Protein backbone atom coordinates (compact mmCIF):
# COMPACT_ATOMS: atom_id res chain seq x y z
CA MET A 1 -31.00 -68.96 84.81
CA PRO A 2 -31.47 -66.40 87.48
CA GLY A 3 -32.76 -62.89 87.14
CA THR A 4 -32.04 -60.44 89.96
CA GLY A 5 -35.37 -58.61 89.81
CA ALA A 6 -36.22 -55.41 87.99
CA GLU A 7 -37.90 -53.67 90.88
CA ARG A 8 -37.97 -53.99 94.65
CA ASN A 9 -40.60 -53.44 97.32
CA ALA A 10 -39.56 -50.46 99.45
CA ALA A 11 -42.16 -50.75 102.20
CA THR A 12 -39.73 -52.32 104.65
CA SER A 13 -37.06 -49.71 103.99
CA ALA A 14 -39.55 -46.91 104.46
CA ALA A 15 -40.60 -48.27 107.83
CA LEU A 16 -37.02 -48.22 109.06
CA PHE A 17 -36.87 -44.47 108.74
CA THR A 18 -40.14 -43.82 110.62
CA PRO A 19 -39.52 -41.97 113.93
CA VAL A 20 -41.10 -43.64 116.95
CA THR A 21 -42.25 -41.91 120.11
CA THR A 22 -40.27 -42.57 123.24
CA PRO A 23 -41.85 -43.53 126.58
CA GLU A 24 -41.05 -40.05 127.92
CA GLN A 25 -43.03 -38.34 125.18
CA GLY A 26 -46.22 -40.33 125.74
CA ALA A 27 -49.42 -40.26 123.79
CA GLY A 28 -50.38 -36.87 122.43
CA ALA A 29 -47.18 -35.20 123.68
CA LYS A 30 -45.60 -32.61 121.46
CA THR A 31 -41.97 -32.71 120.57
CA SER A 32 -40.16 -29.58 121.64
CA PRO A 33 -37.92 -28.07 119.00
CA PRO A 34 -34.16 -27.96 119.46
CA GLU A 35 -32.68 -25.12 121.43
CA GLY A 36 -32.56 -21.94 119.42
CA GLN A 37 -35.46 -22.91 117.17
CA SER A 38 -38.89 -21.23 117.16
CA SER A 39 -41.83 -23.15 118.58
CA SER A 40 -44.46 -21.04 116.82
CA ASP A 41 -47.38 -22.92 115.28
CA ASP A 42 -47.24 -20.56 112.32
CA ASP A 43 -43.87 -21.87 111.22
CA GLU A 44 -44.51 -23.50 107.86
CA ASN A 45 -41.07 -25.06 107.54
CA PRO A 46 -40.10 -26.64 110.86
CA SER A 47 -36.48 -27.60 111.21
CA TYR A 48 -37.18 -30.85 113.06
CA PRO A 49 -39.13 -33.95 111.95
CA GLU A 50 -42.61 -34.55 113.20
CA VAL A 51 -43.09 -37.70 115.26
CA VAL A 52 -45.24 -40.23 113.42
CA ASP A 53 -47.09 -43.04 115.12
CA VAL A 54 -46.38 -46.36 113.41
CA GLU A 55 -49.67 -47.85 114.64
CA SER A 56 -51.64 -45.09 112.92
CA ILE A 57 -49.82 -45.86 109.68
CA SER A 58 -50.68 -49.56 109.86
CA THR A 59 -54.29 -48.63 110.69
CA ASP A 60 -54.53 -46.36 107.66
CA LEU A 61 -53.09 -49.05 105.43
CA SER A 62 -55.47 -51.67 106.78
CA GLU A 63 -58.40 -49.44 105.83
CA HIS A 64 -57.31 -49.65 102.19
CA ARG A 65 -56.80 -53.37 101.88
CA LYS A 66 -56.87 -54.71 98.41
CA SER A 67 -59.18 -57.34 97.12
CA PHE A 68 -57.95 -60.77 96.18
CA ALA A 69 -58.06 -59.84 92.51
CA ASP A 70 -55.85 -56.81 93.18
CA HIS A 71 -53.33 -58.96 95.01
CA LEU A 72 -53.35 -61.49 92.17
CA ARG A 73 -52.84 -58.82 89.51
CA HIS A 74 -50.04 -57.26 91.54
CA LEU A 75 -48.37 -60.66 91.96
CA VAL A 76 -48.55 -61.38 88.24
CA ARG A 77 -47.09 -57.94 87.51
CA ARG A 78 -44.25 -58.55 89.92
CA LEU A 79 -43.50 -61.94 88.39
CA ARG A 80 -43.44 -60.46 84.92
CA LYS A 81 -41.02 -57.76 86.04
CA THR A 82 -38.68 -59.64 88.32
CA GLY A 83 -39.12 -63.27 87.47
CA GLU A 84 -38.13 -64.35 90.94
CA ASP A 85 -39.80 -64.74 94.30
CA ASP A 86 -37.77 -62.68 96.75
CA GLY A 87 -39.98 -63.58 99.66
CA GLU A 88 -41.17 -60.02 100.29
CA ASP A 89 -44.68 -58.85 101.02
CA PHE A 90 -46.78 -58.04 97.96
CA THR A 91 -49.18 -55.81 99.88
CA TYR A 92 -47.56 -52.48 99.07
CA ASP A 93 -47.00 -50.88 95.70
CA PHE A 94 -43.78 -49.05 96.51
CA GLU A 95 -41.31 -49.96 93.77
CA VAL A 96 -37.79 -48.81 92.92
CA ASP A 97 -36.32 -48.96 89.43
CA GLN A 98 -33.11 -50.94 89.28
CA ILE A 99 -29.99 -50.08 87.31
CA VAL A 100 -29.18 -52.92 84.91
CA LYS A 101 -25.81 -52.98 83.18
CA SER A 102 -25.78 -54.54 79.74
CA LEU A 103 -22.94 -56.66 78.44
CA ASP A 104 -22.69 -54.22 75.53
CA HIS A 105 -21.24 -51.60 77.90
CA PHE A 106 -18.20 -53.73 78.75
CA ILE A 107 -15.04 -54.01 76.69
CA VAL A 108 -14.36 -57.36 75.02
CA GLY A 109 -11.94 -59.41 77.08
CA TYR A 110 -11.68 -59.98 80.80
CA PRO A 111 -14.13 -57.11 81.53
CA LYS A 112 -16.94 -58.68 79.50
CA ILE A 113 -16.26 -62.20 80.81
CA ALA A 114 -16.38 -60.90 84.38
CA ALA A 115 -19.63 -59.09 83.57
CA LEU A 116 -21.10 -62.31 82.18
CA ALA A 117 -20.23 -64.17 85.38
CA ALA A 118 -21.91 -61.40 87.37
CA THR A 119 -25.01 -61.64 85.18
CA ASP A 120 -25.65 -65.31 85.85
CA PRO A 121 -24.10 -67.55 88.55
CA SER A 122 -23.99 -70.50 86.16
CA PHE A 123 -20.92 -68.87 84.60
CA LEU A 124 -19.03 -68.76 87.91
CA ILE A 125 -16.51 -71.39 86.84
CA TYR A 126 -12.88 -71.36 87.90
CA ARG A 127 -9.98 -73.76 88.23
CA LYS A 128 -9.24 -75.65 91.43
CA PHE A 129 -5.52 -76.01 90.69
CA GLY A 130 -5.59 -79.49 92.16
CA TRP A 131 -2.10 -80.37 90.92
CA LEU A 132 -0.54 -77.33 92.59
CA HIS A 133 -2.39 -77.99 95.83
CA ASN A 134 -1.25 -81.61 95.82
CA ARG A 135 2.32 -80.64 95.01
CA LEU A 136 2.38 -78.15 97.87
CA LEU A 137 0.86 -80.63 100.32
CA LEU A 138 3.34 -83.32 99.30
CA TYR A 139 6.20 -80.88 99.80
CA LEU A 140 5.00 -79.81 103.26
CA GLN A 141 4.29 -83.42 104.14
CA ASP A 142 7.87 -84.46 103.38
CA GLU A 143 9.21 -81.54 105.40
CA LEU A 144 7.20 -82.81 108.35
CA VAL A 145 8.52 -86.32 107.74
CA ALA A 146 12.06 -84.97 107.90
CA LEU A 147 11.32 -83.11 111.13
CA GLU A 148 9.67 -86.20 112.56
CA TYR A 149 12.77 -88.26 111.74
CA LYS A 150 14.99 -85.59 113.27
CA LEU A 151 13.01 -85.54 116.51
CA ASN A 152 13.06 -89.33 116.72
CA LYS A 153 16.85 -89.38 116.29
CA LEU A 154 17.25 -86.80 119.05
CA ASP A 155 15.14 -88.92 121.38
CA GLN A 156 17.21 -92.02 120.64
CA ARG A 157 20.46 -90.12 121.15
CA THR A 158 19.26 -88.78 124.48
CA PHE A 159 18.21 -92.27 125.61
CA SER A 160 21.55 -93.80 124.59
CA HIS A 161 23.47 -91.27 126.67
CA ASP A 162 21.58 -92.25 129.83
CA ASN A 163 19.68 -88.96 129.89
CA GLU A 164 16.29 -90.57 130.22
CA VAL A 165 15.14 -87.90 132.64
CA LYS A 166 15.02 -85.43 129.74
CA LEU A 167 12.58 -87.70 127.97
CA LYS A 168 10.47 -88.08 131.11
CA SER A 169 10.40 -84.43 132.13
CA ARG A 170 9.80 -81.48 129.87
CA ARG A 171 11.11 -79.15 132.55
CA GLU A 172 14.44 -80.93 132.80
CA ASP A 173 14.77 -80.92 129.05
CA PHE A 174 13.84 -77.22 128.91
CA ASN A 175 16.49 -76.30 131.47
CA ASN A 176 19.09 -77.80 129.17
CA PRO A 177 18.58 -75.95 125.87
CA GLY A 178 19.18 -78.14 122.87
CA LEU A 179 18.02 -79.13 119.45
CA ARG A 180 14.87 -80.84 120.69
CA ARG A 181 13.14 -77.63 121.74
CA ASP A 182 14.02 -75.89 118.48
CA THR A 183 12.90 -78.91 116.50
CA ILE A 184 9.53 -78.99 118.25
CA LYS A 185 9.03 -75.30 117.49
CA GLN A 186 9.77 -75.96 113.82
CA ILE A 187 7.31 -78.85 113.84
CA ALA A 188 4.59 -76.66 115.39
CA GLU A 189 5.00 -73.97 112.72
CA LYS A 190 5.15 -76.49 109.89
CA LEU A 191 2.12 -78.42 111.16
CA LYS A 192 0.10 -75.22 111.33
CA GLU A 193 0.97 -74.40 107.74
CA TYR A 194 0.28 -77.96 106.61
CA ASP A 195 -3.08 -78.17 108.40
CA GLU A 196 -4.26 -74.87 106.94
CA HIS A 197 -3.48 -75.99 103.40
CA LEU A 198 -4.97 -79.44 103.99
CA LEU A 199 -8.28 -78.16 105.37
CA ARG A 200 -8.54 -75.47 102.71
CA PHE A 201 -7.89 -78.02 99.98
CA GLN A 202 -10.56 -80.27 101.48
CA LYS A 203 -13.14 -77.49 101.07
CA ILE A 204 -11.99 -76.80 97.52
CA GLN A 205 -12.22 -80.46 96.56
CA ALA A 206 -15.79 -80.56 97.90
CA ILE A 207 -16.84 -78.03 95.24
CA ARG A 208 -18.50 -79.88 92.41
CA ARG A 209 -17.30 -79.52 88.87
CA PRO A 210 -19.60 -77.59 86.51
CA THR A 211 -22.06 -79.37 84.31
CA VAL A 212 -21.06 -80.02 80.73
CA ARG A 213 -23.81 -77.64 79.67
CA ASN A 214 -22.50 -74.69 81.72
CA GLN A 215 -18.90 -75.39 80.77
CA THR A 216 -19.84 -75.49 77.10
CA SER A 217 -21.81 -72.26 77.38
CA LEU A 218 -18.88 -70.37 78.88
CA TYR A 219 -16.49 -71.91 76.34
CA ASN A 220 -18.70 -70.81 73.45
CA PHE A 221 -19.01 -67.28 74.81
CA ILE A 222 -15.24 -66.88 75.22
CA HIS A 223 -14.46 -68.15 71.74
CA GLN A 224 -17.33 -66.44 69.93
CA THR A 225 -16.44 -63.05 71.41
CA ARG A 226 -12.70 -63.78 71.23
CA GLY A 227 -12.50 -62.47 74.75
CA LEU A 228 -9.22 -64.18 75.61
CA VAL A 229 -6.09 -65.06 73.71
CA ASP A 230 -5.60 -68.75 72.99
CA SER A 231 -2.90 -69.21 75.59
CA GLU A 232 -5.18 -67.83 78.35
CA SER A 233 -8.42 -69.54 77.34
CA LYS A 234 -7.28 -73.15 77.65
CA TRP A 235 -8.31 -73.32 81.28
CA ILE A 236 -11.98 -73.64 80.35
CA ARG A 237 -11.21 -77.10 78.96
CA GLU A 238 -9.77 -78.32 82.26
CA GLY A 239 -12.99 -80.18 83.04
CA ALA A 240 -11.80 -82.29 85.97
CA ASP A 241 -10.01 -79.31 87.51
CA LEU A 242 -12.92 -76.86 87.27
CA ALA A 243 -15.11 -75.72 90.16
CA ALA A 244 -18.67 -74.45 89.90
CA VAL A 245 -18.87 -71.78 92.59
CA ALA A 246 -22.63 -71.25 92.31
CA ARG A 247 -24.88 -73.29 94.57
CA GLU A 248 -26.51 -76.10 92.69
CA GLU A 249 -30.29 -75.94 92.49
CA GLU A 250 -32.58 -78.69 93.70
CA HIS A 251 -33.39 -79.82 90.16
CA GLY A 252 -30.16 -78.65 88.57
CA TRP A 253 -29.61 -81.12 85.76
CA PHE A 254 -33.29 -81.60 85.02
CA ASN A 255 -33.82 -77.85 84.84
CA GLY A 256 -31.09 -77.71 82.23
CA PHE A 257 -32.61 -80.59 80.30
CA LEU A 258 -36.05 -78.97 80.40
CA GLU A 259 -34.62 -75.62 79.34
CA ASP A 260 -32.82 -77.15 76.36
CA THR A 261 -35.92 -79.09 75.35
CA LEU A 262 -38.17 -76.03 75.47
CA HIS A 263 -35.57 -74.00 73.60
CA LYS A 264 -35.42 -76.59 70.82
CA ILE A 265 -39.20 -76.68 70.53
CA SER A 266 -39.65 -72.90 70.30
CA PRO A 267 -36.75 -70.59 71.18
CA ARG A 268 -38.83 -67.44 70.78
CA ALA A 269 -41.69 -68.66 72.98
CA THR A 270 -39.26 -69.95 75.61
CA GLN A 271 -37.49 -66.61 75.81
CA ALA A 272 -40.77 -64.70 75.92
CA ILE A 273 -42.18 -66.79 78.77
CA PHE A 274 -39.16 -67.67 80.89
CA ARG A 275 -36.86 -64.66 80.43
CA THR A 276 -37.27 -61.54 82.55
CA ASN A 277 -36.97 -57.98 81.29
CA GLU A 278 -33.82 -57.48 83.30
CA GLN A 279 -32.17 -60.53 81.74
CA LYS A 280 -33.10 -59.21 78.29
CA ILE A 281 -31.46 -55.87 79.08
CA ALA A 282 -28.41 -57.46 80.71
CA THR A 283 -27.54 -59.65 77.72
CA GLY A 284 -27.83 -56.78 75.25
CA GLN A 285 -26.80 -57.73 71.72
CA GLU A 286 -24.80 -60.75 72.81
CA ARG A 287 -26.09 -64.17 71.86
CA VAL A 288 -26.60 -65.21 75.46
CA PHE A 289 -29.98 -66.70 76.31
CA LEU A 290 -30.75 -66.43 79.99
CA ILE A 291 -33.81 -68.02 81.57
CA SER A 292 -35.20 -67.17 84.98
CA PRO A 293 -34.76 -70.21 87.24
CA PHE A 294 -37.74 -69.06 89.29
CA ARG A 295 -40.10 -69.10 86.33
CA LEU A 296 -38.70 -72.41 85.15
CA ASP A 297 -39.00 -73.82 88.66
CA VAL A 298 -42.64 -72.66 88.90
CA PHE A 299 -43.37 -74.44 85.62
CA LEU A 300 -41.59 -77.54 86.89
CA ARG A 301 -43.40 -77.46 90.21
CA VAL A 302 -46.76 -77.26 88.45
CA ALA A 303 -45.79 -80.17 86.21
CA LEU A 304 -44.56 -82.22 89.19
CA THR A 305 -47.73 -81.45 91.13
CA ILE A 306 -49.83 -82.75 88.26
CA LEU A 307 -47.57 -85.79 87.94
CA ALA A 308 -47.85 -86.52 91.66
CA ALA A 309 -51.63 -86.32 91.50
CA VAL A 310 -51.70 -88.61 88.48
CA LEU A 311 -49.38 -91.14 90.10
CA LEU A 312 -51.64 -91.28 93.15
CA LEU A 313 -55.11 -91.12 91.60
CA LEU A 314 -54.64 -93.01 88.33
CA PRO A 315 -53.70 -96.34 89.95
CA VAL A 316 -56.61 -95.94 92.34
CA VAL A 317 -58.98 -95.57 89.38
CA ILE A 318 -57.44 -98.58 87.65
CA LEU A 319 -57.64 -100.69 90.79
CA PHE A 320 -61.23 -99.66 91.25
CA GLU A 321 -62.09 -100.61 87.67
CA LEU A 322 -60.32 -103.95 88.09
CA GLN A 323 -62.25 -104.75 91.24
CA PRO A 324 -63.67 -108.28 90.81
CA THR A 325 -67.44 -108.64 90.89
CA LYS A 326 -67.47 -112.43 90.60
CA ALA A 327 -65.52 -115.21 92.23
CA SER A 328 -64.13 -116.25 88.85
CA GLN A 329 -62.58 -112.81 88.37
CA ILE A 330 -60.63 -112.74 91.62
CA ARG A 331 -57.53 -114.54 90.31
CA ARG A 332 -57.34 -112.79 86.92
CA ASN A 333 -58.22 -109.28 88.12
CA GLY A 334 -56.13 -109.73 91.25
CA GLY A 335 -53.05 -110.39 89.13
CA LEU A 336 -53.73 -107.29 87.05
CA GLN A 337 -54.15 -105.23 90.20
CA ILE A 338 -50.83 -106.42 91.59
CA LEU A 339 -49.16 -105.67 88.25
CA THR A 340 -50.68 -102.16 88.33
CA ILE A 341 -49.31 -101.54 91.81
CA PHE A 342 -45.87 -102.78 90.74
CA LEU A 343 -45.70 -100.59 87.63
CA PHE A 344 -46.90 -97.42 89.35
CA THR A 345 -44.61 -98.01 92.33
CA LEU A 346 -41.69 -98.37 89.94
CA LEU A 347 -42.72 -95.18 88.16
CA PHE A 348 -43.05 -93.32 91.45
CA SER A 349 -39.61 -94.43 92.63
CA ALA A 350 -38.05 -93.42 89.31
CA SER A 351 -39.76 -90.01 89.51
CA CYS A 352 -38.36 -89.40 93.00
CA SER A 353 -34.86 -90.28 91.82
CA ILE A 354 -35.02 -88.20 88.64
CA PHE A 355 -36.93 -85.09 89.66
CA THR A 356 -35.57 -84.68 93.20
CA LYS A 357 -32.27 -84.97 95.01
CA ALA A 358 -33.64 -87.24 97.66
CA ARG A 359 -31.17 -89.65 99.19
CA ARG A 360 -31.48 -93.38 98.71
CA GLN A 361 -33.09 -94.00 102.08
CA GLU A 362 -35.56 -91.17 101.47
CA VAL A 363 -36.53 -92.61 98.08
CA PHE A 364 -36.92 -96.03 99.66
CA THR A 365 -39.13 -94.64 102.46
CA ALA A 366 -41.33 -92.65 100.08
CA THR A 367 -41.69 -95.64 97.75
CA ALA A 368 -42.63 -97.91 100.62
CA ALA A 369 -45.28 -95.45 101.81
CA TYR A 370 -46.68 -95.05 98.29
CA SER A 371 -46.84 -98.81 97.80
CA ALA A 372 -48.49 -99.25 101.19
CA VAL A 373 -51.28 -96.83 100.24
CA LEU A 374 -52.04 -98.78 97.08
CA VAL A 375 -51.88 -102.14 98.86
CA VAL A 376 -54.28 -100.89 101.56
CA PHE A 377 -56.68 -99.70 98.87
CA LEU A 378 -56.38 -103.08 97.11
CA GLY A 379 -57.14 -104.89 100.35
CA SER A 380 -60.17 -102.73 101.01
CA THR A 381 -61.59 -103.42 97.55
CA LEU A 382 -61.13 -107.17 97.91
CA ASN A 383 -62.86 -107.17 101.29
CA THR A 384 -65.92 -105.58 99.75
CA TYR A 385 -66.55 -108.71 97.70
CA GLY A 386 -69.30 -110.62 99.39
CA GLY A 387 -70.15 -113.40 97.03
CA PRO A 388 -70.81 -114.44 93.43
């Protein structure tokens, strides 16, 4: 679960406040002080800022470039402090201490629950109120049906009285004020209201429901801390009507499965490796175990990289070892090679479906490419056979 970062790199912010010379000042030009100020060189406390050349700053910094080891140590230190990759440059050492509010500082009840949701986006769970939205839409829909019926009756009445010109000309109908114009205005206002609710409800319905794991975690926190009275805590059990506001990660469910597995193996080691200092401070004395998604994702990426290498190289090794050296081995070893390709292709396709959120056509394309590589390698090994 995410950590916001204990410290930030301030190099970019510092550069924003660096004065830059204007074209009129030119190179080597002195900045004249404001009117009424002394221009003496002996003034030790000038009342105006000195113009600094940004290029000279970058030149000075480039003269003190760090070695690769220094960059690596700084990166490790940043990861240990923040636990997340914020995409900033690691070249500078300017750091700012962050203010972290612990859950212990909030009163039990709605204040502490709101603080928990602010600590980790996985707890951003709220109701959709689908029944109320549907009830409102059905009500507005029937009002529009009634207005539609009313307008249709007016048209039929106008046609029956041989006033067809009013149905063929808006201007003629406008010059004779009647119910039709008022009805159309009512329809326009009601349609606007109906469309707004319909489109808004469409966006709400597109929000996915929270995972059982996140819903259970929030439920346990509310009931263990007795943060809400019973009559106001029932909403957390409205599973089908709940919305997870936080954006789902690429490996959302698998990250949760991996986190639970590591926590069952060794809770202390899992917290020591995957929890940031800020998350430790933010949770305070509450029994809330937060894990940095960045650290967990790095671990998962390393594991997936190793798995991808194994899935590509291991079948190649097996196919190479099964390469027939005699004519009598072609049929038997060839069958084993085809079985090897089938099994590893199946494993690769399952890995793409489980560990990624690739769509079906993307999984199919990747599987076909993987299988083609193995088949080409198999063909090349069979062509190398030249005789008994």
